[in-house]
Amino acid sequence: MIENKDELKETLKKLSENDFHLKKKETAEKLLSSMLNFIGDPDPILRDELIYSAFCTFVADGCFSENTLSELTDKLISEDFIFWHINEDDVFGVFRRSFSVLFLAETLSRHAAKKYLSEKQIDNVKNALIKYINNERDLRGYDETYGWAHAVAHTSDAFCALFDCGIMQKDSEEILYAIQNKFMLAEKIFDAEEDERAASFVYKIIKLKMDKVFLTEWLKDFSKAAQITDYFSRLRARINCKNLIRDLYFRIVHNGGDKEFLPIFFETEAKLNRFVKR
């Protein structure tokens, strides 16, 4: 195992010359522990451009055994990864948590293509991701010094991958509530297309034609953001929810989908938009 950060960085830079495609697949297994050690390193080049990019390619190229990916999935939902320092005053903790979620998205996507996780593992991942997004308070998108944190966007990506694994309707409903709560209660106005990434999950459900009654009520509930008492909490909630509703409206207009939802988007957006006449 490579314990030195600079040595790992140089090793991965060399592999990047061939777009991380390996001549010997076992190299990926040997590097995995080192990559996990530095998965949330503050250096955005090491964390994002090298470790994450390498992992994506290794998974896509089938470099890891199913057993390795199964054990990794379990490990990623532990206190050492997606819940790392989540309740502590650690300005760098979010990078480890958020990129652990991105790794999860990759292991889940692999499972969607070739089943290797048990139903219990899938359920554990779902519960962990919901717990994570409910508890994550560091909502930075892009940091000029440290690069992408993007916790909400990364979690939405993982939710999309989880959906592709064939989760039950009740699981999708739990995820929808978690997304709604985050957009209603976030102490930040999302400014790095977190809304678009969340909309991707909702759009999958709309295309699947899930329970329309539930989905209609869920969408209408976003209008409650306009009723929040505190001014700045209401402002953040209105903007975040309004953007998500608009994303969904135009996703259907541009990409197709059940147009029966368009009037609901229109009506809900109007209730959140204090600049339109109603």
Protein backbone atom coordinates (compact mmCIF):
# COMPACT_ATOMS: atom_id res chain seq x y z
CA MET A 1 0.00 0.00 0.00
CA ILE A 2 1.21 3.49 -0.84
CA GLU A 3 1.09 5.57 2.33
CA ASN A 4 2.73 8.69 0.96
CA LYS A 5 0.36 11.19 -0.65
CA ASP A 6 2.89 12.52 -3.17
CA GLU A 7 3.87 9.00 -4.22
CA LEU A 8 0.22 8.07 -4.80
CA LYS A 9 -0.29 11.25 -6.79
CA GLU A 10 2.67 10.49 -9.06
CA THR A 11 1.57 6.88 -9.51
CA LEU A 12 -1.93 7.93 -10.58
CA LYS A 13 -0.57 10.68 -12.83
CA LYS A 14 1.39 8.04 -14.73
CA LEU A 15 -1.71 5.89 -15.05
CA SER A 16 -3.68 8.90 -16.30
CA GLU A 17 -1.43 8.97 -19.38
CA ASN A 18 -3.37 5.92 -20.53
CA ASP A 19 -6.68 7.27 -19.18
CA PHE A 20 -6.32 4.91 -16.19
CA HIS A 21 -6.76 1.80 -18.32
CA LEU A 22 -4.55 -0.85 -16.74
CA LYS A 23 -2.45 -3.53 -18.37
CA LYS A 24 -2.80 -5.64 -15.22
CA LYS A 25 -6.21 -5.45 -13.52
CA GLU A 26 -4.77 -6.54 -10.18
CA THR A 27 -3.04 -3.15 -9.99
CA ALA A 28 -6.42 -1.61 -9.14
CA GLU A 29 -6.88 -3.94 -6.15
CA LYS A 30 -3.40 -3.02 -4.90
CA LEU A 31 -4.11 0.70 -5.20
CA LEU A 32 -7.61 0.69 -3.68
CA SER A 33 -6.59 0.96 -0.01
CA SER A 34 -4.30 3.89 -0.75
CA MET A 35 -7.00 5.61 -2.79
CA LEU A 36 -9.49 5.19 0.06
CA ASN A 37 -7.02 6.68 2.53
CA PHE A 38 -6.89 9.88 0.49
CA ILE A 39 -10.46 9.81 -0.90
CA GLY A 40 -11.26 13.14 0.77
CA ASP A 41 -7.90 14.85 0.51
CA PRO A 42 -8.16 18.66 0.29
CA ASP A 43 -6.02 18.59 -2.87
CA PRO A 44 -8.66 18.66 -5.66
CA ILE A 45 -6.28 17.24 -8.24
CA LEU A 46 -5.52 14.18 -6.14
CA ARG A 47 -9.07 13.73 -4.86
CA ASP A 48 -11.10 14.43 -7.99
CA GLU A 49 -8.96 14.33 -11.13
CA LEU A 50 -6.86 11.35 -10.05
CA ILE A 51 -8.43 9.17 -7.34
CA TYR A 52 -12.07 9.53 -8.36
CA SER A 53 -11.35 9.41 -12.09
CA ALA A 54 -9.16 6.35 -11.66
CA PHE A 55 -11.79 4.58 -9.58
CA CYS A 56 -14.50 5.20 -12.18
CA THR A 57 -12.32 3.71 -14.90
CA PHE A 58 -11.24 0.76 -12.76
CA VAL A 59 -14.88 -0.08 -12.02
CA ALA A 60 -15.98 0.36 -15.65
CA ASP A 61 -13.12 -1.84 -16.83
CA GLY A 62 -14.05 -4.61 -14.40
CA CYS A 63 -10.81 -4.41 -12.46
CA PHE A 64 -12.41 -5.23 -9.10
CA SER A 65 -13.92 -8.54 -8.09
CA GLU A 66 -17.55 -8.63 -7.01
CA ASN A 67 -16.40 -9.50 -3.50
CA THR A 68 -14.14 -6.42 -3.39
CA LEU A 69 -16.95 -4.14 -4.56
CA SER A 70 -19.40 -5.70 -2.11
CA GLU A 71 -17.04 -5.17 0.83
CA LEU A 72 -16.27 -1.66 -0.39
CA THR A 73 -19.96 -0.76 -0.56
CA ASP A 74 -20.40 -1.82 3.06
CA LYS A 75 -17.30 0.11 4.09
CA LEU A 76 -18.35 3.33 2.37
CA ILE A 77 -21.54 3.67 4.44
CA SER A 78 -19.58 3.55 7.70
CA GLU A 79 -18.50 6.26 10.14
CA ASP A 80 -15.09 6.31 8.45
CA PHE A 81 -16.49 7.43 5.11
CA ILE A 82 -19.90 9.00 4.41
CA PHE A 83 -20.39 9.90 8.08
CA TRP A 84 -16.79 11.01 8.67
CA HIS A 85 -16.76 13.91 11.20
CA ILE A 86 -20.29 14.80 10.12
CA ASN A 87 -21.14 16.40 13.45
CA GLU A 88 -17.74 17.97 13.99
CA ASP A 89 -16.28 21.35 13.09
CA ASP A 90 -14.07 20.00 10.31
CA VAL A 91 -13.83 22.18 7.18
CA PHE A 92 -12.30 19.30 5.21
CA GLY A 93 -14.62 16.52 6.39
CA VAL A 94 -17.18 17.11 3.66
CA PHE A 95 -14.69 16.13 0.96
CA ARG A 96 -14.25 12.66 2.44
CA ARG A 97 -17.98 12.26 2.97
CA SER A 98 -19.06 13.61 -0.41
CA PHE A 99 -16.53 11.68 -2.46
CA SER A 100 -17.35 8.51 -0.55
CA VAL A 101 -20.90 9.06 -1.81
CA LEU A 102 -19.56 9.36 -5.37
CA PHE A 103 -17.71 6.08 -4.96
CA LEU A 104 -20.99 4.56 -3.80
CA ALA A 105 -22.69 5.81 -6.95
CA GLU A 106 -20.12 3.86 -8.96
CA THR A 107 -20.48 0.62 -7.01
CA LEU A 108 -24.27 0.90 -7.31
CA SER A 109 -24.07 1.54 -11.05
CA ARG A 110 -21.96 -1.59 -11.38
CA HIS A 111 -24.57 -3.55 -9.44
CA ALA A 112 -27.32 -2.21 -11.72
CA ALA A 113 -25.41 -3.67 -14.67
CA LYS A 114 -24.38 -6.92 -12.99
CA LYS A 115 -26.04 -7.89 -9.73
CA TYR A 116 -23.66 -8.62 -6.86
CA LEU A 117 -25.16 -6.87 -3.82
CA SER A 118 -27.83 -8.42 -1.60
CA GLU A 119 -31.23 -6.81 -1.03
CA LYS A 120 -30.12 -6.12 2.54
CA GLN A 121 -27.05 -4.26 1.31
CA ILE A 122 -29.14 -2.16 -1.07
CA ASP A 123 -31.52 -1.31 1.77
CA ASN A 124 -28.59 -0.41 4.02
CA VAL A 125 -27.19 1.91 1.36
CA LYS A 126 -30.57 3.59 0.87
CA ASN A 127 -30.97 4.18 4.59
CA ALA A 128 -27.40 5.45 4.92
CA LEU A 129 -27.74 7.89 2.03
CA ILE A 130 -30.99 9.30 3.42
CA LYS A 131 -29.42 9.65 6.86
CA TYR A 132 -26.40 11.30 5.29
CA ILE A 133 -28.27 13.91 3.25
CA ASN A 134 -30.50 14.69 6.23
CA ASN A 135 -27.46 15.35 8.41
CA GLU A 136 -24.98 16.97 6.02
CA ARG A 137 -24.61 20.65 6.89
CA ASP A 138 -21.65 21.60 4.73
CA LEU A 139 -23.45 22.49 1.51
CA ARG A 140 -20.62 24.13 -0.40
CA GLY A 141 -20.76 23.52 -4.12
CA TYR A 142 -17.41 24.56 -5.55
CA ASP A 143 -14.63 25.93 -3.38
CA GLU A 144 -12.09 28.11 -5.19
CA THR A 145 -9.22 26.57 -3.21
CA TYR A 146 -10.30 23.00 -2.57
CA GLY A 147 -12.50 22.27 -5.56
CA TRP A 148 -15.81 20.40 -5.53
CA ALA A 149 -17.55 19.46 -2.30
CA HIS A 150 -21.04 19.25 -3.89
CA ALA A 151 -22.58 16.96 -1.27
CA VAL A 152 -26.19 17.41 -2.42
CA ALA A 153 -25.33 16.85 -6.08
CA HIS A 154 -23.24 13.77 -5.33
CA THR A 155 -25.99 12.30 -3.18
CA SER A 156 -28.50 12.87 -5.96
CA ASP A 157 -26.16 10.97 -8.30
CA ALA A 158 -26.08 8.10 -5.81
CA PHE A 159 -29.88 8.18 -5.54
CA CYS A 160 -30.09 7.89 -9.34
CA ALA A 161 -27.75 4.90 -9.30
CA LEU A 162 -29.80 3.36 -6.50
CA PHE A 163 -32.98 3.82 -8.51
CA ASP A 164 -31.37 1.96 -11.43
CA CYS A 165 -30.79 -0.97 -9.07
CA GLY A 166 -34.55 -1.55 -9.06
CA ILE A 167 -35.56 -0.26 -5.63
CA MET A 168 -39.18 -0.49 -4.50
CA GLN A 169 -41.68 2.38 -4.81
CA LYS A 170 -41.68 2.93 -1.03
CA ASP A 171 -37.90 3.40 -1.17
CA SER A 172 -38.26 5.99 -3.91
CA GLU A 173 -40.86 7.80 -1.84
CA GLU A 174 -38.48 7.92 1.16
CA ILE A 175 -35.80 9.42 -1.09
CA LEU A 176 -38.23 11.99 -2.50
CA TYR A 177 -39.07 13.16 1.02
CA ALA A 178 -35.37 13.43 1.84
CA ILE A 179 -34.77 15.57 -1.26
CA GLN A 180 -37.75 17.75 -0.46
CA ASN A 181 -36.61 18.29 3.11
CA LYS A 182 -33.15 19.30 1.96
CA PHE A 183 -34.47 21.87 -0.46
CA MET A 184 -36.98 23.21 2.06
CA LEU A 185 -34.60 23.42 5.02
CA ALA A 186 -31.13 24.02 3.55
CA GLU A 187 -29.22 26.89 5.13
CA LYS A 188 -27.81 27.81 1.73
CA ILE A 189 -29.12 28.78 -1.69
CA PHE A 190 -27.83 26.10 -4.05
CA ASP A 191 -25.69 27.69 -6.74
CA ALA A 192 -23.88 24.81 -8.46
CA GLU A 193 -26.77 23.00 -10.20
CA GLU A 194 -27.60 20.83 -7.22
CA ASP A 195 -31.22 21.33 -8.27
CA GLU A 196 -30.56 19.83 -11.71
CA ARG A 197 -28.91 16.75 -10.20
CA ALA A 198 -31.84 16.26 -7.81
CA ALA A 199 -34.25 16.76 -10.72
CA SER A 200 -32.58 13.84 -12.50
CA PHE A 201 -33.79 11.47 -9.79
CA VAL A 202 -37.33 12.85 -9.83
CA TYR A 203 -37.40 12.72 -13.63
CA LYS A 204 -36.58 9.00 -13.53
CA ILE A 205 -39.63 8.46 -11.34
CA ILE A 206 -41.84 10.55 -13.61
CA LYS A 207 -40.71 8.53 -16.63
CA LEU A 208 -41.44 5.31 -14.75
CA LYS A 209 -44.98 6.60 -14.16
CA MET A 210 -44.91 5.93 -10.44
CA ASP A 211 -48.01 6.57 -8.32
CA LYS A 212 -49.29 9.85 -9.78
CA VAL A 213 -51.39 10.68 -6.73
CA PHE A 214 -48.37 10.50 -4.43
CA LEU A 215 -46.15 12.39 -6.84
CA THR A 216 -48.74 15.12 -7.37
CA GLU A 217 -49.11 15.71 -3.63
CA TRP A 218 -45.32 15.62 -3.18
CA LEU A 219 -44.88 18.30 -5.84
CA LYS A 220 -47.64 20.50 -4.45
CA ASP A 221 -46.05 20.33 -0.98
CA PHE A 222 -43.14 22.43 -2.24
CA SER A 223 -45.46 25.43 -2.11
CA LYS A 224 -45.23 25.23 1.69
CA ALA A 225 -41.81 26.87 1.38
CA ALA A 226 -43.67 30.15 0.90
CA GLN A 227 -45.26 29.76 4.33
CA ILE A 228 -42.05 29.51 6.37
CA THR A 229 -42.09 32.17 9.05
CA ASP A 230 -38.45 33.30 9.19
CA TYR A 231 -37.68 35.63 6.27
CA PHE A 232 -34.26 34.32 5.26
CA SER A 233 -35.23 30.68 5.78
CA ARG A 234 -38.26 31.32 3.57
CA LEU A 235 -36.13 33.09 0.96
CA ARG A 236 -33.68 30.21 0.70
CA ALA A 237 -36.44 27.63 0.59
CA ARG A 238 -38.44 29.50 -2.06
CA ILE A 239 -35.45 29.89 -4.35
CA ASN A 240 -34.22 26.31 -3.98
CA CYS A 241 -37.66 24.77 -4.39
CA LYS A 242 -38.60 27.11 -7.22
CA ASN A 243 -35.46 26.14 -9.14
CA LEU A 244 -36.10 22.43 -8.68
CA ILE A 245 -39.69 22.76 -9.91
CA ARG A 246 -38.53 24.78 -12.93
CA ASP A 247 -35.88 22.16 -13.71
CA LEU A 248 -38.51 19.44 -13.76
CA TYR A 249 -40.84 21.51 -15.95
CA PHE A 250 -38.19 22.07 -18.60
CA ARG A 251 -36.79 18.55 -18.29
CA ILE A 252 -40.15 17.24 -19.47
CA VAL A 253 -40.52 19.96 -22.12
CA HIS A 254 -37.08 19.26 -23.57
CA ASN A 255 -36.59 15.54 -22.92
CA GLY A 256 -40.14 14.24 -22.93
CA GLY A 257 -42.25 12.72 -20.18
CA ASP A 258 -45.71 12.84 -18.69
CA LYS A 259 -47.01 16.27 -19.66
CA GLU A 260 -49.88 15.87 -17.19
CA PHE A 261 -47.44 17.15 -14.57
CA LEU A 262 -46.74 20.42 -16.36
CA PRO A 263 -49.78 22.26 -14.92
CA ILE A 264 -48.76 21.10 -11.44
CA PHE A 265 -45.24 22.47 -11.94
CA PHE A 266 -46.72 25.70 -13.26
CA GLU A 267 -49.12 26.08 -10.32
CA THR A 268 -46.51 25.22 -7.68
CA GLU A 269 -43.91 27.56 -9.15
CA ALA A 270 -46.42 30.40 -9.15
CA LYS A 271 -47.07 29.91 -5.43
CA LEU A 272 -43.32 30.13 -4.78
CA ASN A 273 -42.75 33.11 -7.07
CA ARG A 274 -43.63 36.43 -5.41
CA PHE A 275 -43.05 38.28 -8.69
CA VAL A 276 -46.00 36.79 -10.57
CA LYS A 277 -49.67 37.66 -10.26
CA ARG A 278 -51.93 34.93 -8.95
